[in-house]
N, C-alpha and C. Protein backbone atom coordinates (compact mmCIF):
# COMPACT_ATOMS: atom_id res chain seq x y z
N MET A 1 81.72 87.08 127.13
CA MET A 1 80.93 88.08 126.44
C MET A 1 81.78 88.81 125.38
N LEU A 2 83.00 89.19 125.76
CA LEU A 2 83.86 89.88 124.80
C LEU A 2 84.25 88.98 123.63
N LEU A 3 84.40 87.70 123.90
CA LEU A 3 84.72 86.76 122.83
C LEU A 3 83.60 86.70 121.81
N ALA A 4 82.35 86.70 122.27
CA ALA A 4 81.21 86.69 121.36
C ALA A 4 81.14 88.00 120.58
N LEU A 5 81.41 89.10 121.23
CA LEU A 5 81.41 90.39 120.54
C LEU A 5 82.52 90.49 119.51
N THR A 6 83.64 89.84 119.77
CA THR A 6 84.74 89.84 118.82
C THR A 6 84.30 89.24 117.49
N HIS A 7 83.54 88.16 117.56
CA HIS A 7 83.03 87.51 116.35
C HIS A 7 82.10 88.46 115.59
N VAL A 8 81.23 89.15 116.30
CA VAL A 8 80.31 90.10 115.67
C VAL A 8 81.09 91.25 115.03
N TRP A 9 82.05 91.80 115.74
CA TRP A 9 82.86 92.90 115.21
C TRP A 9 83.64 92.47 113.97
N TYR A 10 84.13 91.25 113.99
CA TYR A 10 84.87 90.73 112.84
C TYR A 10 83.94 90.67 111.62
N ARG A 11 82.74 90.15 111.80
CA ARG A 11 81.77 90.05 110.70
C ARG A 11 81.44 91.44 110.16
N MET A 12 81.27 92.41 111.03
CA MET A 12 80.97 93.78 110.61
C MET A 12 82.15 94.37 109.83
N ALA A 13 83.36 94.09 110.28
CA ALA A 13 84.54 94.60 109.58
C ALA A 13 84.65 93.99 108.18
N VAL A 14 84.38 92.70 108.06
CA VAL A 14 84.43 92.04 106.75
C VAL A 14 83.38 92.63 105.82
N ALA A 15 82.17 92.85 106.32
CA ALA A 15 81.11 93.43 105.49
C ALA A 15 81.49 94.85 105.05
N GLY A 16 82.05 95.63 105.93
CA GLY A 16 82.47 96.98 105.57
C GLY A 16 83.60 96.98 104.56
N THR A 17 84.51 96.05 104.70
CA THR A 17 85.63 95.96 103.76
C THR A 17 85.15 95.55 102.38
N ASP A 18 84.16 94.65 102.31
CA ASP A 18 83.63 94.24 101.02
C ASP A 18 83.02 95.42 100.27
N ASP A 19 82.27 96.27 100.98
CA ASP A 19 81.67 97.45 100.34
C ASP A 19 82.75 98.41 99.88
N TRP A 20 83.76 98.59 100.69
CA TRP A 20 84.85 99.50 100.34
C TRP A 20 85.61 98.97 99.13
N ALA A 21 85.85 97.66 99.08
CA ALA A 21 86.55 97.05 97.95
C ALA A 21 85.77 97.25 96.65
N ALA A 22 84.44 97.13 96.71
CA ALA A 22 83.62 97.33 95.52
C ALA A 22 83.71 98.77 95.04
N ALA A 23 83.73 99.72 95.97
CA ALA A 23 83.83 101.14 95.60
C ALA A 23 85.19 101.44 94.97
N VAL A 24 86.25 100.90 95.54
CA VAL A 24 87.59 101.13 94.98
C VAL A 24 87.70 100.50 93.60
N GLN A 25 87.16 99.31 93.43
CA GLN A 25 87.19 98.64 92.12
C GLN A 25 86.45 99.47 91.08
N ALA A 26 85.33 100.06 91.45
CA ALA A 26 84.57 100.91 90.51
C ALA A 26 85.39 102.13 90.12
N LEU A 27 86.08 102.74 91.08
CA LEU A 27 86.92 103.90 90.77
C LEU A 27 88.07 103.53 89.83
N VAL A 28 88.66 102.38 90.06
CA VAL A 28 89.75 101.93 89.19
C VAL A 28 89.23 101.69 87.78
N ASN A 29 88.08 101.05 87.66
CA ASN A 29 87.52 100.77 86.34
C ASN A 29 87.17 102.05 85.59
N LEU A 30 86.65 103.06 86.30
CA LEU A 30 86.30 104.32 85.66
C LEU A 30 87.55 105.10 85.23
N GLY A 31 88.66 104.91 85.92
CA GLY A 31 89.86 105.69 85.63
C GLY A 31 90.79 105.07 84.61
N ARG A 32 90.51 103.86 84.15
CA ARG A 32 91.42 103.19 83.22
C ARG A 32 91.59 103.97 81.93
N LYS A 33 90.51 104.33 81.29
CA LYS A 33 90.59 105.01 79.99
C LYS A 33 91.23 106.40 80.12
N PRO A 34 90.80 107.25 81.06
CA PRO A 34 91.47 108.56 81.17
C PRO A 34 92.97 108.44 81.48
N LEU A 35 93.34 107.47 82.30
CA LEU A 35 94.77 107.31 82.61
C LEU A 35 95.54 106.86 81.38
N SER A 36 94.99 105.93 80.61
CA SER A 36 95.71 105.48 79.41
C SER A 36 95.85 106.62 78.41
N GLU A 37 94.80 107.46 78.29
CA GLU A 37 94.89 108.60 77.38
C GLU A 37 95.93 109.60 77.87
N ALA A 38 96.00 109.82 79.17
CA ALA A 38 96.98 110.76 79.73
C ALA A 38 98.41 110.25 79.51
N LEU A 39 98.58 108.94 79.46
CA LEU A 39 99.90 108.36 79.23
C LEU A 39 100.22 108.23 77.74
N GLY A 40 99.26 108.61 76.87
CA GLY A 40 99.48 108.52 75.43
C GLY A 40 99.34 107.10 74.91
N LEU A 41 98.55 106.29 75.59
CA LEU A 41 98.37 104.90 75.20
C LEU A 41 96.93 104.67 74.76
N ALA A 42 96.75 103.79 73.79
CA ALA A 42 95.43 103.41 73.33
C ALA A 42 94.98 102.16 74.07
N MET A 43 93.71 102.13 74.43
CA MET A 43 93.18 100.95 75.12
C MET A 43 93.10 99.79 74.13
N PRO A 44 93.69 98.64 74.47
CA PRO A 44 93.62 97.48 73.58
C PRO A 44 92.19 96.94 73.47
N ASP A 45 91.95 96.15 72.43
CA ASP A 45 90.62 95.58 72.22
C ASP A 45 90.31 94.42 73.16
N SER A 46 91.32 93.68 73.57
CA SER A 46 91.07 92.52 74.41
C SER A 46 91.51 92.78 75.85
N LEU A 47 90.86 92.10 76.76
CA LEU A 47 91.18 92.24 78.17
C LEU A 47 92.58 91.71 78.47
N ALA A 48 92.98 90.66 77.79
CA ALA A 48 94.32 90.10 78.01
C ALA A 48 95.40 91.10 77.62
N LYS A 49 95.21 91.79 76.48
CA LYS A 49 96.19 92.79 76.06
C LYS A 49 96.18 93.99 77.00
N GLU A 50 95.00 94.36 77.50
CA GLU A 50 94.93 95.47 78.45
C GLU A 50 95.66 95.12 79.75
N ARG A 51 95.47 93.92 80.23
CA ARG A 51 96.20 93.48 81.43
C ARG A 51 97.70 93.50 81.20
N GLU A 52 98.13 93.08 80.01
CA GLU A 52 99.56 93.11 79.69
C GLU A 52 100.07 94.55 79.70
N MET A 53 99.27 95.46 79.12
CA MET A 53 99.68 96.87 79.07
C MET A 53 99.84 97.43 80.49
N TRP A 54 98.87 97.19 81.37
CA TRP A 54 98.96 97.72 82.74
C TRP A 54 100.09 97.05 83.51
N ARG A 55 100.36 95.78 83.23
CA ARG A 55 101.48 95.10 83.89
C ARG A 55 102.80 95.74 83.47
N LEU A 56 102.92 96.06 82.18
CA LEU A 56 104.14 96.70 81.69
C LEU A 56 104.30 98.11 82.27
N ILE A 57 103.20 98.84 82.39
CA ILE A 57 103.26 100.18 83.00
C ILE A 57 103.68 100.08 84.45
N GLY A 58 103.13 99.11 85.16
CA GLY A 58 103.53 98.91 86.56
C GLY A 58 104.99 98.56 86.68
N ARG A 59 105.47 97.74 85.78
CA ARG A 59 106.89 97.37 85.79
C ARG A 59 107.76 98.59 85.47
N LEU A 60 107.29 99.42 84.54
CA LEU A 60 108.04 100.64 84.19
C LEU A 60 108.10 101.60 85.38
N ALA A 61 107.02 101.67 86.15
CA ALA A 61 107.01 102.54 87.33
C ALA A 61 107.99 102.03 88.39
N GLY A 62 108.15 100.73 88.48
CA GLY A 62 109.06 100.15 89.47
C GLY A 62 110.52 100.23 89.05
N ARG A 63 110.76 100.07 87.76
CA ARG A 63 112.13 100.11 87.21
C ARG A 63 112.14 101.00 85.97
N PRO A 64 112.16 102.33 86.14
CA PRO A 64 111.94 103.24 85.01
C PRO A 64 113.04 103.29 83.96
N TYR A 65 114.25 102.92 84.27
CA TYR A 65 115.35 103.12 83.32
C TYR A 65 115.82 101.81 82.71
N ARG A 66 114.88 101.05 82.23
CA ARG A 66 115.22 99.78 81.58
C ARG A 66 114.95 99.89 80.09
N ASP A 67 115.72 99.17 79.32
CA ASP A 67 115.53 99.16 77.87
C ASP A 67 114.23 98.49 77.46
N SER A 68 113.67 97.69 78.34
CA SER A 68 112.45 96.96 78.01
C SER A 68 111.22 97.87 77.96
N ALA A 69 111.37 99.16 78.25
CA ALA A 69 110.23 100.08 78.20
C ALA A 69 109.71 100.23 76.77
N ALA A 70 110.50 99.88 75.79
CA ALA A 70 110.08 100.01 74.39
C ALA A 70 108.94 99.05 74.05
N VAL A 71 108.69 98.05 74.85
CA VAL A 71 107.60 97.13 74.56
C VAL A 71 106.25 97.83 74.68
N LEU A 72 106.19 98.98 75.33
CA LEU A 72 104.94 99.74 75.42
C LEU A 72 104.61 100.43 74.10
N ASP A 73 105.52 100.45 73.16
CA ASP A 73 105.29 101.13 71.88
C ASP A 73 104.07 100.56 71.15
N GLU A 74 103.79 99.29 71.30
CA GLU A 74 102.64 98.72 70.60
C GLU A 74 101.32 99.27 71.13
N PHE A 75 101.32 99.85 72.32
CA PHE A 75 100.11 100.39 72.91
C PHE A 75 99.99 101.91 72.73
N ARG A 76 100.99 102.54 72.16
CA ARG A 76 100.95 103.99 71.99
C ARG A 76 99.91 104.38 70.94
N THR A 77 99.31 105.56 71.14
CA THR A 77 98.35 106.06 70.15
C THR A 77 99.11 106.49 68.90
N LYS A 78 98.38 106.62 67.80
CA LYS A 78 99.02 106.99 66.54
C LYS A 78 99.69 108.36 66.67
N ALA A 79 99.02 109.31 67.31
CA ALA A 79 99.59 110.65 67.47
C ALA A 79 100.86 110.61 68.32
N GLU A 80 100.85 109.78 69.33
CA GLU A 80 102.02 109.66 70.22
C GLU A 80 103.19 109.02 69.45
N ARG A 81 102.91 108.06 68.57
CA ARG A 81 103.98 107.43 67.79
C ARG A 81 104.61 108.41 66.81
N GLU A 82 103.79 109.32 66.25
CA GLU A 82 104.29 110.27 65.28
C GLU A 82 105.17 111.34 65.92
N THR A 83 104.95 111.65 67.20
CA THR A 83 105.76 112.69 67.86
C THR A 83 107.07 112.16 68.38
N THR A 84 107.22 110.84 68.51
CA THR A 84 108.48 110.29 69.04
C THR A 84 109.35 109.75 67.95
């Protein structure tokens, strides 16, 4: 009996996790633009460039004192470029 219930509980957990994953994905998508603006970065026109930008930001967060941080300059807003 417990073995059969384990299968049911597993299915319920998977269904709950799928709903939670969709909610988290929606929150991430809504926060992309405000976060990029807060960081002084302009959102790129293409999805590939946006993914590259977020990958570089993630790398910068992991290793903050590297010279390669200058590659983010191409994503900076015009106002941010003028102040630096």
